[in-house]
PDB file of N, CA and C in Angstrom:
ATOM      1  N   MET A   1      49.133  16.841 -13.245  1.00  0.00           N
ATOM      2  CA  MET A   1      48.235  17.546 -11.971  1.00  0.00           C
ATOM      3  C   MET A   1      47.326  16.320 -11.371  1.00  0.00           C
ATOM      4  N   GLY A   2      47.559  15.769 -10.099  1.00  0.00           N
ATOM      5  CA  GLY A   2      46.748  15.120  -9.673  1.00  0.00           C
ATOM      6  C   GLY A   2      45.387  15.626  -8.988  1.00  0.00           C
ATOM      7  N   LEU A   3      44.385  14.813  -8.481  1.00  0.00           N
ATOM      8  CA  LEU A   3      43.298  14.921  -8.040  1.00  0.00           C
ATOM      9  C   LEU A   3      43.523  15.659  -6.771  1.00  0.00           C
ATOM     10  N   GLU A   4      43.069  16.650  -6.432  1.00  0.00           N
ATOM     11  CA  GLU A   4      43.025  17.113  -5.012  1.00  0.00           C
ATOM     12  C   GLU A   4      42.318  16.024  -4.123  1.00  0.00           C
ATOM     13  N   LEU A   5      42.419  16.413  -2.873  1.00  0.00           N
ATOM     14  CA  LEU A   5      41.813  15.603  -2.053  1.00  0.00           C
ATOM     15  C   LEU A   5      40.145  16.312  -1.899  1.00  0.00           C
ATOM     16  N   SER A   6      40.222  17.943  -2.022  1.00  0.00           N
ATOM     17  CA  SER A   6      38.799  18.371  -1.835  1.00  0.00           C
ATOM     18  C   SER A   6      37.768  17.928  -3.162  1.00  0.00           C
ATOM     19  N   VAL A   7      38.769  17.807  -4.089  1.00  0.00           N
ATOM     20  CA  VAL A   7      37.717  17.341  -5.329  1.00  0.00           C
ATOM     21  C   VAL A   7      37.132  15.741  -5.259  1.00  0.00           C
ATOM     22  N   ILE A   8      37.937  15.145  -4.567  1.00  0.00           N
ATOM     23  CA  ILE A   8      37.464  13.723  -4.261  1.00  0.00           C
ATOM     24  C   ILE A   8      36.455  13.400  -3.350  1.00  0.00           C
ATOM     25  N   LEU A   9      36.646  14.542  -2.443  1.00  0.00           N
ATOM     26  CA  LEU A   9      35.607  14.387  -0.929  1.00  0.00           C
ATOM     27  C   LEU A   9      34.537  14.867  -1.715  1.00  0.00           C
ATOM     28  N   ALA A  10      34.687  15.971  -2.919  1.00  0.00           N
ATOM     29  CA  ALA A  10      33.317  16.433  -3.020  1.00  0.00           C
ATOM     30  C   ALA A  10      32.542  15.720  -3.989  1.00  0.00           C
ATOM     31  N   TYR A  11      33.190  14.984  -4.628  1.00  0.00           N
ATOM     32  CA  TYR A  11      32.683  13.636  -5.698  1.00  0.00           C
ATOM     33  C   TYR A  11      31.876  12.879  -4.742  1.00  0.00           C
ATOM     34  N   ALA A  12      32.624  12.212  -3.610  1.00  0.00           N
ATOM     35  CA  ALA A  12      32.018  11.250  -2.819  1.00  0.00           C
ATOM     36  C   ALA A  12      31.001  11.549  -1.870  1.00  0.00           C
ATOM     37  N   VAL A  13      31.051  12.802  -1.464  1.00  0.00           N
ATOM     38  CA  VAL A  13      29.679  13.423  -0.759  1.00  0.00           C
ATOM     39  C   VAL A  13      28.461  13.567  -1.810  1.00  0.00           C
ATOM     40  N   GLY A  14      28.730  13.923  -3.036  1.00  0.00           N
ATOM     41  CA  GLY A  14      27.911  14.057  -4.143  1.00  0.00           C
ATOM     42  C   GLY A  14      26.936  12.937  -4.372  1.00  0.00           C
ATOM     43  N   LEU A  15      27.878  11.731  -4.457  1.00  0.00           N
ATOM     44  CA  LEU A  15      27.412  10.329  -4.804  1.00  0.00           C
ATOM     45  C   LEU A  15      26.844  10.125  -3.505  1.00  0.00           C
ATOM     46  N   ILE A  16      27.065  10.344  -2.447  1.00  0.00           N
ATOM     47  CA  ILE A  16      26.207   9.967  -1.270  1.00  0.00           C
ATOM     48  C   ILE A  16      24.865  10.714  -1.127  1.00  0.00           C
ATOM     49  N   LEU A  17      24.950  11.670  -1.471  1.00  0.00           N
ATOM     50  CA  LEU A  17      23.889  12.563  -1.594  1.00  0.00           C
ATOM     51  C   LEU A  17      22.819  12.287  -2.565  1.00  0.00           C
ATOM     52  N   LEU A  18      23.305  11.925  -3.721  1.00  0.00           N
ATOM     53  CA  LEU A  18      22.227  11.216  -4.839  1.00  0.00           C
ATOM     54  C   LEU A  18      21.754   9.900  -4.402  1.00  0.00           C
ATOM     55  N   TYR A  19      22.571   9.076  -3.702  1.00  0.00           N
ATOM     56  CA  TYR A  19      22.029   7.767  -3.219  1.00  0.00           C
ATOM     57  C   TYR A  19      21.202   8.135  -2.348  1.00  0.00           C
ATOM     58  N   LEU A  20      21.074   8.850  -1.426  1.00  0.00           N
ATOM     59  CA  LEU A  20      20.344   9.216  -0.423  1.00  0.00           C
ATOM     60  C   LEU A  20      18.832   9.656  -0.930  1.00  0.00           C
ATOM     61  N   ILE A  21      18.881  10.589  -1.984  1.00  0.00           N
ATOM     62  CA  ILE A  21      17.876  11.342  -2.513  1.00  0.00           C
ATOM     63  C   ILE A  21      16.908  10.195  -3.297  1.00  0.00           C
ATOM     64  N   GLY A  22      17.863   9.356  -3.967  1.00  0.00           N
ATOM     65  CA  GLY A  22      16.967   8.181  -4.800  1.00  0.00           C
ATOM     66  C   GLY A  22      16.443   7.517  -3.769  1.00  0.00           C
ATOM     67  N   TRP A  23      17.204   7.097  -2.622  1.00  0.00           N
ATOM     68  CA  TRP A  23      16.486   6.036  -1.548  1.00  0.00           C
ATOM     69  C   TRP A  23      15.177   6.750  -0.901  1.00  0.00           C
ATOM     70  N   ILE A  24      15.371   8.062  -1.010  1.00  0.00           N
ATOM     71  CA  ILE A  24      13.991   8.651  -0.288  1.00  0.00           C
ATOM     72  C   ILE A  24      12.947   8.700  -1.363  1.00  0.00           C
ATOM     73  N   LEU A  25      13.279   8.986  -2.525  1.00  0.00           N
ATOM     74  CA  LEU A  25      12.248   8.930  -3.492  1.00  0.00           C
ATOM     75  C   LEU A  25      11.778   7.423  -3.889  1.00  0.00           C
ATOM     76  N   VAL A  26      12.237   6.442  -3.700  1.00  0.00           N
ATOM     77  CA  VAL A  26      11.968   5.006  -3.925  1.00  0.00           C
ATOM     78  C   VAL A  26      11.060   4.527  -2.654  1.00  0.00           C
ATOM     79  N   ILE A  27      11.194   5.051  -1.512  1.00  0.00           N
ATOM     80  CA  ILE A  27      10.517   4.430  -0.484  1.00  0.00           C
ATOM     81  C   ILE A  27       8.889   4.640  -0.355  1.00  0.00           C
ATOM     82  N   PRO A  28       8.504   5.846  -0.955  1.00  0.00           N
ATOM     83  CA  PRO A  28       6.911   6.407  -1.036  1.00  0.00           C
ATOM     84  C   PRO A  28       6.353   5.551  -2.163  1.00  0.00           C
ATOM     85  N   ILE A  29       7.283   4.962  -3.284  1.00  0.00           N
ATOM     86  CA  ILE A  29       6.693   4.436  -4.320  1.00  0.00           C
ATOM     87  C   ILE A  29       6.395   2.879  -3.969  1.00  0.00           C
ATOM     88  N   LYS A  30       7.122   2.440  -3.258  1.00  0.00           N
ATOM     89  CA  LYS A  30       7.036   1.179  -2.312  1.00  0.00           C
ATOM     90  C   LYS A  30       5.951   1.278  -1.689  1.00  0.00           C
ATOM     91  N   ILE A  31       5.489   2.009  -0.906  1.00  0.00           N
ATOM     92  CA  ILE A  31       4.411   2.173  -0.096  1.00  0.00           C
ATOM     93  C   ILE A  31       3.025   2.199  -0.987  1.00  0.00           C
ATOM     94  N   ILE A  32       3.117   2.880  -2.016  1.00  0.00           N
ATOM     95  CA  ILE A  32       1.964   3.347  -2.762  1.00  0.00           C
ATOM     96  C   ILE A  32       1.748   1.862  -3.934  1.00  0.00           C
ATOM     97  N   ILE A  33       2.694   1.192  -4.140  1.00  0.00           N
ATOM     98  CA  ILE A  33       2.423   0.033  -4.814  1.00  0.00           C
ATOM     99  C   ILE A  33       1.978  -1.016  -3.702  1.00  0.00           C
ATOM    100  N   ARG A  34       2.367  -1.021  -2.556  1.00  0.00           N
ATOM    101  CA  ARG A  34       1.898  -1.926  -1.592  1.00  0.00           C
ATOM    102  C   ARG A  34       0.432  -1.631  -1.173  1.00  0.00           C
ATOM    103  N   LEU A  35      -0.013  -0.476  -1.201  1.00  0.00           N
ATOM    104  CA  LEU A  35      -1.505  -0.124  -1.117  1.00  0.00           C
ATOM    105  C   LEU A  35      -2.012  -0.257  -2.031  1.00  0.00           C
ATOM    106  N   ILE A  36      -1.671  -0.131  -3.572  1.00  0.00           N
ATOM    107  CA  ILE A  36      -2.495  -0.780  -4.639  1.00  0.00           C
ATOM    108  C   ILE A  36      -2.695  -2.218  -4.561  1.00  0.00           C
ATOM    109  N   TRP A  37      -1.660  -2.772  -4.396  1.00  0.00           N
ATOM    110  CA  TRP A  37      -1.603  -4.202  -4.332  1.00  0.00           C
ATOM    111  C   TRP A  37      -2.998  -4.500  -3.283  1.00  0.00           C
ATOM    112  N   ASN A  38      -2.881  -4.141  -1.942  1.00  0.00           N
ATOM    113  CA  ASN A  38      -3.465  -4.679  -0.858  1.00  0.00           C
ATOM    114  C   ASN A  38      -5.116  -4.303  -1.490  1.00  0.00           C
ATOM    115  N   GLY A  39      -5.197  -3.019  -2.121  1.00  0.00           N
ATOM    116  CA  GLY A  39      -6.598  -2.736  -2.327  1.00  0.00           C
ATOM    117  C   GLY A  39      -7.074  -3.831  -3.477  1.00  0.00           C
ATOM    118  N   ILE A  40      -6.137  -4.412  -4.432  1.00  0.00           N
ATOM    119  CA  ILE A  40      -6.558  -5.372  -5.206  1.00  0.00           C
ATOM    120  C   ILE A  40      -6.995  -6.783  -4.416  1.00  0.00           C
ATOM    121  N   ILE A  41      -6.332  -6.927  -3.672  1.00  0.00           N
ATOM    122  CA  ILE A  41      -6.571  -8.333  -3.082  1.00  0.00           C
ATOM    123  C   ILE A  41      -7.823  -7.985  -2.003  1.00  0.00           C
ATOM    124  N   GLY A  42      -7.904  -6.864  -1.410  1.00  0.00           N
ATOM    125  CA  GLY A  42      -9.340  -6.543  -0.485  1.00  0.00           C
ATOM    126  C   GLY A  42     -10.464  -6.544  -1.601  1.00  0.00           C
ATOM    127  N   GLY A  43     -10.085  -5.902  -2.799  1.00  0.00           N
ATOM    128  CA  GLY A  43     -11.437  -6.184  -3.602  1.00  0.00           C
ATOM    129  C   GLY A  43     -11.837  -7.534  -3.822  1.00  0.00           C
ATOM    130  N   ILE A  44     -10.844  -8.401  -4.183  1.00  0.00           N
ATOM    131  CA  ILE A  44     -11.047  -9.979  -4.725  1.00  0.00           C
ATOM    132  C   ILE A  44     -11.837 -10.561  -3.351  1.00  0.00           C
ATOM    133  N   ILE A  45     -11.466 -10.183  -2.000  1.00  0.00           N
ATOM    134  CA  ILE A  45     -11.850 -10.686  -1.013  1.00  0.00           C
ATOM    135  C   ILE A  45     -13.219 -10.315  -0.792  1.00  0.00           C
ATOM    136  N   LEU A  46     -13.522  -9.040  -1.214  1.00  0.00           N
ATOM    137  CA  LEU A  46     -14.886  -8.449  -1.012  1.00  0.00           C
ATOM    138  C   LEU A  46     -15.762  -9.108  -1.895  1.00  0.00           C
ATOM    139  N   PHE A  47     -15.156  -9.380  -3.342  1.00  0.00           N
ATOM    140  CA  PHE A  47     -16.086 -10.163  -4.212  1.00  0.00           C
ATOM    141  C   PHE A  47     -16.574 -11.489  -3.824  1.00  0.00           C
ATOM    142  N   VAL A  48     -15.389 -12.259  -3.242  1.00  0.00           N
ATOM    143  CA  VAL A  48     -15.657 -13.502  -2.789  1.00  0.00           C
ATOM    144  C   VAL A  48     -16.774 -13.696  -1.783  1.00  0.00           C
ATOM    145  N   PHE A  49     -16.524 -12.665  -0.756  1.00  0.00           N
ATOM    146  CA  PHE A  49     -17.501 -12.324   0.124  1.00  0.00           C
ATOM    147  C   PHE A  49     -18.781 -12.265  -0.167  1.00  0.00           C
ATOM    148  N   ASN A  50     -19.095 -11.443  -1.096  1.00  0.00           N
ATOM    149  CA  ASN A  50     -20.313 -11.190  -1.549  1.00  0.00           C
ATOM    150  C   ASN A  50     -21.014 -12.166  -2.508  1.00  0.00           C
ATOM    151  N   ILE A  51     -20.294 -12.926  -3.159  1.00  0.00           N
ATOM    152  CA  ILE A  51     -20.872 -14.050  -3.705  1.00  0.00           C
ATOM    153  C   ILE A  51     -21.077 -15.005  -2.778  1.00  0.00           C
ATOM    154  N   ILE A  52     -20.424 -15.546  -1.877  1.00  0.00           N
ATOM    155  CA  ILE A  52     -20.932 -16.422  -0.620  1.00  0.00           C
ATOM    156  C   ILE A  52     -21.820 -15.745   0.205  1.00  0.00           C
ATOM    157  N   GLY A  53     -21.849 -14.385   0.600  1.00  0.00           N
ATOM    158  CA  GLY A  53     -22.733 -13.736   1.556  1.00  0.00           C
ATOM    159  C   GLY A  53     -24.212 -13.594   0.796  1.00  0.00           C
ATOM    160  N   GLY A  54     -24.260 -13.751  -0.600  1.00  0.00           N
ATOM    161  CA  GLY A  54     -25.485 -13.757  -1.551  1.00  0.00           C
ATOM    162  C   GLY A  54     -26.266 -14.852  -0.816  1.00  0.00           C
ATOM    163  N   PHE A  55     -25.969 -15.625  -0.584  1.00  0.00           N
ATOM    164  CA  PHE A  55     -26.735 -17.148  -0.356  1.00  0.00           C
ATOM    165  C   PHE A  55     -27.590 -16.578   1.194  1.00  0.00           C
ATOM    166  N   PHE A  56     -26.907 -15.608   2.095  1.00  0.00           N
ATOM    167  CA  PHE A  56     -27.273 -15.377   3.266  1.00  0.00           C
ATOM    168  C   PHE A  56     -27.970 -13.923   3.094  1.00  0.00           C
ATOM    169  N   ASN A  57     -28.082 -13.254   2.066  1.00  0.00           N
ATOM    170  CA  ASN A  57     -28.438 -12.112   1.956  1.00  0.00           C
ATOM    171  C   ASN A  57     -27.666 -10.758   3.001  1.00  0.00           C
ATOM    172  N   ILE A  58     -26.440 -11.057   2.740  1.00  0.00           N
ATOM    173  CA  ILE A  58     -25.028 -10.249   3.369  1.00  0.00           C
ATOM    174  C   ILE A  58     -24.526  -9.647   2.117  1.00  0.00           C
ATOM    175  N   SER A  59     -24.134  -8.404   2.066  1.00  0.00           N
ATOM    176  CA  SER A  59     -23.071  -8.088   0.890  1.00  0.00           C
ATOM    177  C   SER A  59     -22.436  -6.764   1.619  1.00  0.00           C
ATOM    178  N   ILE A  60     -21.291  -6.115   0.874  1.00  0.00           N
ATOM    179  CA  ILE A  60     -20.667  -5.045   1.346  1.00  0.00           C
ATOM    180  C   ILE A  60     -20.435  -4.340   0.221  1.00  0.00           C
ATOM    181  N   VAL A  61     -20.486  -3.265   0.079  1.00  0.00           N
ATOM    182  CA  VAL A  61     -20.452  -2.391  -1.285  1.00  0.00           C
ATOM    183  C   VAL A  61     -18.783  -2.264  -1.626  1.00  0.00           C
ATOM    184  N   ILE A  62     -18.580  -2.712  -2.763  1.00  0.00           N
ATOM    185  CA  ILE A  62     -17.068  -2.357  -2.960  1.00  0.00           C
ATOM    186  C   ILE A  62     -16.472  -1.350  -3.475  1.00  0.00           C
ATOM    187  N   ASN A  63     -15.721  -0.468  -3.056  1.00  0.00           N
ATOM    188  CA  ASN A  63     -15.203   0.455  -3.270  1.00  0.00           C
ATOM    189  C   ASN A  63     -13.703   0.810  -3.158  1.00  0.00           C
ATOM    190  N   PRO A  64     -12.996   1.828  -3.470  1.00  0.00           N
ATOM    191  CA  PRO A  64     -11.639   1.899  -3.234  1.00  0.00           C
ATOM    192  C   PRO A  64     -11.425   1.698  -1.608  1.00  0.00           C
ATOM    193  N   LEU A  65     -12.369   2.584  -0.856  1.00  0.00           N
ATOM    194  CA  LEU A  65     -11.701   2.691   0.726  1.00  0.00           C
ATOM    195  C   LEU A  65     -12.220   1.300   1.208  1.00  0.00           C
ATOM    196  N   THR A  66     -13.351   0.474   0.977  1.00  0.00           N
ATOM    197  CA  THR A  66     -13.567  -0.693   1.677  1.00  0.00           C
ATOM    198  C   THR A  66     -12.662  -1.998   1.136  1.00  0.00           C
ATOM    199  N   ALA A  67     -11.867  -1.739  -0.399  1.00  0.00           N
ATOM    200  CA  ALA A  67     -10.960  -2.460  -0.490  1.00  0.00           C
ATOM    201  C   ALA A  67      -9.616  -2.391   0.216  1.00  0.00           C
ATOM    202  N   LEU A  68      -9.316  -1.277   0.372  1.00  0.00           N
ATOM    203  CA  LEU A  68      -8.205  -0.953   1.096  1.00  0.00           C
ATOM    204  C   LEU A  68      -8.400  -1.440   2.585  1.00  0.00           C
ATOM    205  N   ILE A  69      -9.180  -1.133   2.948  1.00  0.00           N
ATOM    206  CA  ILE A  69      -9.558  -2.006   4.415  1.00  0.00           C
ATOM    207  C   ILE A  69      -9.634  -3.408   4.329  1.00  0.00           C
ATOM    208  N   ALA A  70     -10.205  -3.805   3.501  1.00  0.00           N
ATOM    209  CA  ALA A  70     -10.065  -5.468   3.530  1.00  0.00           C
ATOM    210  C   ALA A  70      -8.665  -5.695   3.118  1.00  0.00           C
ATOM    211  N   GLY A  71      -7.812  -5.417   2.124  1.00  0.00           N
ATOM    212  CA  GLY A  71      -6.661  -5.444   1.662  1.00  0.00           C
ATOM    213  C   GLY A  71      -5.490  -5.495   2.880  1.00  0.00           C
ATOM    214  N   PHE A  72      -5.809  -4.381   3.554  1.00  0.00           N
ATOM    215  CA  PHE A  72      -4.755  -3.741   4.523  1.00  0.00           C
ATOM    216  C   PHE A  72      -4.840  -4.818   5.942  1.00  0.00           C
ATOM    217  N   LEU A  73      -6.483  -5.107   6.157  1.00  0.00           N
ATOM    218  CA  LEU A  73      -6.588  -5.508   7.361  1.00  0.00           C
ATOM    219  C   LEU A  73      -6.874  -6.909   7.411  1.00  0.00           C
ATOM    220  N   GLY A  74      -7.222  -7.441   6.088  1.00  0.00           N
ATOM    221  CA  GLY A  74      -7.476  -8.862   5.957  1.00  0.00           C
ATOM    222  C   GLY A  74      -8.842  -9.307   6.400  1.00  0.00           C
ATOM    223  N   VAL A  75      -8.747 -10.596   6.848  1.00  0.00           N
ATOM    224  CA  VAL A  75     -10.077 -10.954   7.389  1.00  0.00           C
ATOM    225  C   VAL A  75     -10.913 -10.246   8.424  1.00  0.00           C
ATOM    226  N   PRO A  76      -9.933  -9.766   9.278  1.00  0.00           N
ATOM    227  CA  PRO A  76     -10.525  -8.736  10.850  1.00  0.00           C
ATOM    228  C   PRO A  76     -11.197  -7.296   9.824  1.00  0.00           C
ATOM    229  N   GLY A  77     -10.488  -7.182   8.492  1.00  0.00           N
ATOM    230  CA  GLY A  77     -10.846  -5.843   8.152  1.00  0.00           C
ATOM    231  C   GLY A  77     -12.339  -6.071   7.489  1.00  0.00           C
ATOM    232  N   VAL A  78     -12.589  -7.363   6.785  1.00  0.00           N
ATOM    233  CA  VAL A  78     -13.946  -7.641   6.538  1.00  0.00           C
ATOM    234  C   VAL A  78     -14.731  -7.797   7.449  1.00  0.00           C
ATOM    235  N   ILE A  79     -14.381  -8.413   8.613  1.00  0.00           N
ATOM    236  CA  ILE A  79     -15.283  -8.376   9.594  1.00  0.00           C
ATOM    237  C   ILE A  79     -15.443  -7.101  10.080  1.00  0.00           C
ATOM    238  N   LEU A  80     -14.722  -6.254  10.215  1.00  0.00           N
ATOM    239  CA  LEU A  80     -15.114  -4.787  10.647  1.00  0.00           C
ATOM    240  C   LEU A  80     -15.787  -4.093   9.801  1.00  0.00           C
ATOM    241  N   LEU A  81     -15.887  -4.300   8.345  1.00  0.00           N
ATOM    242  CA  LEU A  81     -16.795  -3.792   7.600  1.00  0.00           C
ATOM    243  C   LEU A  81     -18.258  -4.427   7.596  1.00  0.00           C
ATOM    244  N   ILE A  82     -18.364  -5.827   8.031  1.00  0.00           N
ATOM    245  CA  ILE A  82     -19.948  -6.124   8.183  1.00  0.00           C
ATOM    246  C   ILE A  82     -20.369  -5.563   9.193  1.00  0.00           C
ATOM    247  N   ILE A  83     -19.314  -5.408  10.095  1.00  0.00           N
ATOM    248  CA  ILE A  83     -20.146  -4.815  11.715  1.00  0.00           C
ATOM    249  C   ILE A  83     -20.527  -3.365  11.506  1.00  0.00           C
ATOM    250  N   PHE A  84     -19.767  -2.806  10.687  1.00  0.00           N
ATOM    251  CA  PHE A  84     -19.989  -1.276  10.387  1.00  0.00           C
ATOM    252  C   PHE A  84     -21.064  -1.012   9.561  1.00  0.00           C
ATOM    253  N   ASN A  85     -21.112  -2.238   8.636  1.00  0.00           N
ATOM    254  CA  ASN A  85     -22.439  -2.324   7.549  1.00  0.00           C
ATOM    255  C   ASN A  85     -23.644  -2.199   8.212  1.00  0.00           C
ATOM    256  N   TYR A  86     -23.728  -3.023   9.528  1.00  0.00           N
ATOM    257  CA  TYR A  86     -24.931  -3.210  10.055  1.00  0.00           C
ATOM    258  C   TYR A  86     -25.250  -2.365  10.985  1.00  0.00           C
ATOM    259  N   MET A  87     -24.145  -1.438  11.551  1.00  0.00           N
ATOM    260  CA  MET A  87     -24.448  -0.477  12.440  1.00  0.00           C
ATOM    261  C   MET A  87     -24.856   0.826  11.457  1.00  0.00           C
ATOM    262  N   VAL A  88     -24.651   0.918  10.504  1.00  0.00           N
ATOM    263  CA  VAL A  88     -25.277   2.218   9.536  1.00  0.00           C
ATOM    264  C   VAL A  88     -26.164   1.742   8.944  1.00  0.00           C
TER     265      VAL A  88
END
């Protein structure tokens, strides 16, 4: 008895669906890892800024939100945080 065409198609569709489901689950993990990495980089940028800004009496509180803003936006994010710090 040979494999029928419907069985082969069912296996092919199953493999394609398994691949698509795996791909859909991997994308959010990559985004979360990227946000965590950007948050760490942002925290380091804010730490360095606070060390240098200590000489000029300027500082920004380091918390997860400010670290993500600084990490995601980079130098413009730090400038945004400085402006926001003095507005509030």
